[in-house]
Protein backbone atom coordinates (compact mmCIF):
# COMPACT_ATOMS: atom_id res chain seq x y z
CA MET A 1 0.00 0.00 0.00
CA GLY A 2 1.38 3.39 -0.98
CA LYS A 3 1.78 6.42 1.24
CA ALA A 4 -1.18 8.22 -0.37
CA GLN A 5 -3.45 5.23 0.31
CA ARG A 6 -2.28 5.02 3.94
CA GLU A 7 -2.94 8.74 4.40
CA LYS A 8 -6.41 8.40 2.86
CA GLY A 9 -7.09 5.54 5.29
CA LYS A 10 -5.99 7.65 8.26
CA ARG A 11 -8.18 10.53 7.08
CA GLY A 12 -11.11 8.11 6.78
CA GLU A 13 -10.53 6.84 10.32
CA ARG A 14 -10.41 10.40 11.68
CA GLU A 15 -13.53 11.34 9.69
CA LEU A 16 -15.44 8.32 11.02
CA ALA A 17 -14.29 8.93 14.60
CA ASN A 18 -15.50 12.53 14.37
CA LEU A 19 -18.87 11.47 12.94
CA LEU A 20 -19.32 9.01 15.81
CA LYS A 21 -18.37 11.79 18.24
CA ASP A 22 -21.12 13.90 16.69
CA HIS A 23 -23.49 11.09 17.70
CA GLY A 24 -22.29 11.20 21.31
CA TYR A 25 -19.57 8.52 21.38
CA ASN A 26 -16.03 9.33 22.50
CA CYS A 27 -14.29 7.69 19.53
CA ARG A 28 -10.74 7.98 18.20
CA ARG A 29 -8.42 6.22 15.80
CA GLY A 30 -7.40 2.92 17.36
CA GLN A 31 -3.84 2.69 16.08
CA GLN A 32 -2.78 6.24 16.79
CA TYR A 33 -1.25 5.33 20.14
CA CYS A 34 0.10 1.80 19.89
CA GLY A 35 -0.21 0.77 16.24
CA THR A 36 -0.51 -2.93 16.95
CA ASN A 37 -2.18 -5.24 14.47
CA GLY A 38 -5.55 -6.57 15.52
CA ASP A 39 -6.67 -3.29 17.04
CA ALA A 40 -9.91 -1.80 15.81
CA ASP A 41 -9.35 1.05 13.35
CA VAL A 42 -11.68 3.25 15.40
CA VAL A 43 -12.36 2.64 19.10
CA GLY A 44 -14.99 3.99 21.46
CA LEU A 45 -18.18 2.39 20.14
CA PRO A 46 -18.94 -0.15 22.90
CA GLY A 47 -19.35 -3.74 21.72
CA ILE A 48 -18.31 -3.02 18.12
CA HIS A 49 -14.96 -3.82 16.50
CA ILE A 50 -14.67 -1.27 13.68
CA GLU A 51 -12.76 -2.04 10.52
CA CYS A 52 -12.72 1.28 8.62
CA LYS A 53 -12.31 1.29 4.84
CA ARG A 54 -12.16 4.50 2.81
CA VAL A 55 -11.61 3.15 -0.70
CA GLU A 56 -13.24 3.17 -4.12
CA ARG A 57 -12.92 -0.57 -4.65
CA LEU A 58 -13.51 -2.66 -1.57
CA ASN A 59 -13.26 -6.40 -1.26
CA LEU A 60 -15.98 -6.58 1.37
CA GLU A 61 -15.44 -10.29 2.06
CA ASP A 62 -11.75 -9.68 2.86
CA ALA A 63 -12.54 -6.65 5.00
CA MET A 64 -15.19 -8.57 6.94
CA ARG A 65 -12.82 -11.53 7.40
CA GLN A 66 -10.21 -9.14 8.83
CA ALA A 67 -12.77 -7.67 11.24
CA ILE A 68 -13.90 -11.15 12.33
CA ASP A 69 -10.33 -12.40 12.80
CA ASP A 70 -9.35 -9.30 14.78
CA THR A 71 -12.46 -9.62 16.94
CA GLU A 72 -11.68 -13.27 17.71
CA ALA A 73 -8.13 -12.32 18.74
CA GLU A 74 -9.51 -9.52 20.93
CA LYS A 75 -12.01 -11.63 22.91
CA LEU A 76 -11.34 -12.34 26.55
CA PRO A 77 -13.04 -15.06 28.60
CA PHE A 78 -16.27 -13.83 30.20
CA SER A 79 -16.11 -10.51 28.36
CA GLU A 80 -19.06 -8.80 26.72
CA GLU A 81 -19.92 -9.68 23.15
CA ILE A 82 -17.93 -7.77 20.53
CA TYR A 83 -19.45 -7.56 17.07
CA PRO A 84 -17.21 -7.14 14.02
CA ALA A 85 -18.34 -4.49 11.54
CA VAL A 86 -16.91 -2.86 8.44
CA PHE A 87 -17.61 0.87 8.15
CA HIS A 88 -16.91 1.95 4.58
CA ARG A 89 -17.46 4.71 2.08
CA ARG A 90 -16.41 5.77 -1.39
CA ASN A 91 -15.59 9.28 -2.56
CA ARG A 92 -18.69 11.46 -2.44
CA GLY A 93 -20.61 8.55 -0.92
CA SER A 94 -22.32 7.97 2.41
CA TRP A 95 -20.84 5.85 5.15
CA LEU A 96 -22.20 2.30 5.15
CA VAL A 97 -21.93 -0.42 7.78
CA THR A 98 -21.65 -4.13 6.99
CA MET A 99 -22.18 -6.80 9.65
CA ARG A 100 -23.03 -10.48 9.75
CA LEU A 101 -26.81 -10.99 9.86
CA ASP A 102 -26.70 -12.95 13.14
CA ASP A 103 -24.73 -10.14 14.82
CA TRP A 104 -27.13 -7.50 13.48
CA MET A 105 -30.12 -9.52 14.71
CA ASN A 106 -28.56 -9.78 18.19
CA LEU A 107 -28.11 -5.99 18.30
CA TYR A 108 -31.63 -5.45 17.00
CA ARG A 109 -33.11 -7.80 19.62
CA GLU A 110 -31.27 -5.91 22.37
CA TRP A 111 -32.56 -2.59 21.02
CA ASP A 112 -36.09 -3.94 20.67
CA ALA A 113 -36.07 -5.39 24.20
CA GLY A 114 -34.99 -2.00 25.57
CA ARG A 115 -37.71 -0.29 23.58
CA GLN A 116 -40.30 -2.73 24.98
CA LEU A 117 -39.14 -1.97 28.53
CA ASP A 118 -39.49 1.75 27.86
CA GLY A 119 -43.06 1.18 26.69
CA GLY A 120 -42.15 2.02 23.12
């Protein structure tokens, strides 16, 4: 990967972290402090391992595999569930999120259960 691509990736990570901050989450680039492999690209969204891709041509299967592998390496016994997700966007495009269906359904069930408790 060339320097320009790496810089674009870093800009994408900062952009995503700032967007998540706008939504109330204290997020930052994950590798800015330690730079170890396996870290999430953006940290601060509880329960989500973020693989951030800011490219025109994305191999989504490879990106998702990387997120899954990193999440497996990150898991600790008796820890909360961590869901792998790929956050991605093209130039002039909107940010999209890709997750496994089972993981998305688990998150949706949790949200729906909370909504039911709130009388919603």
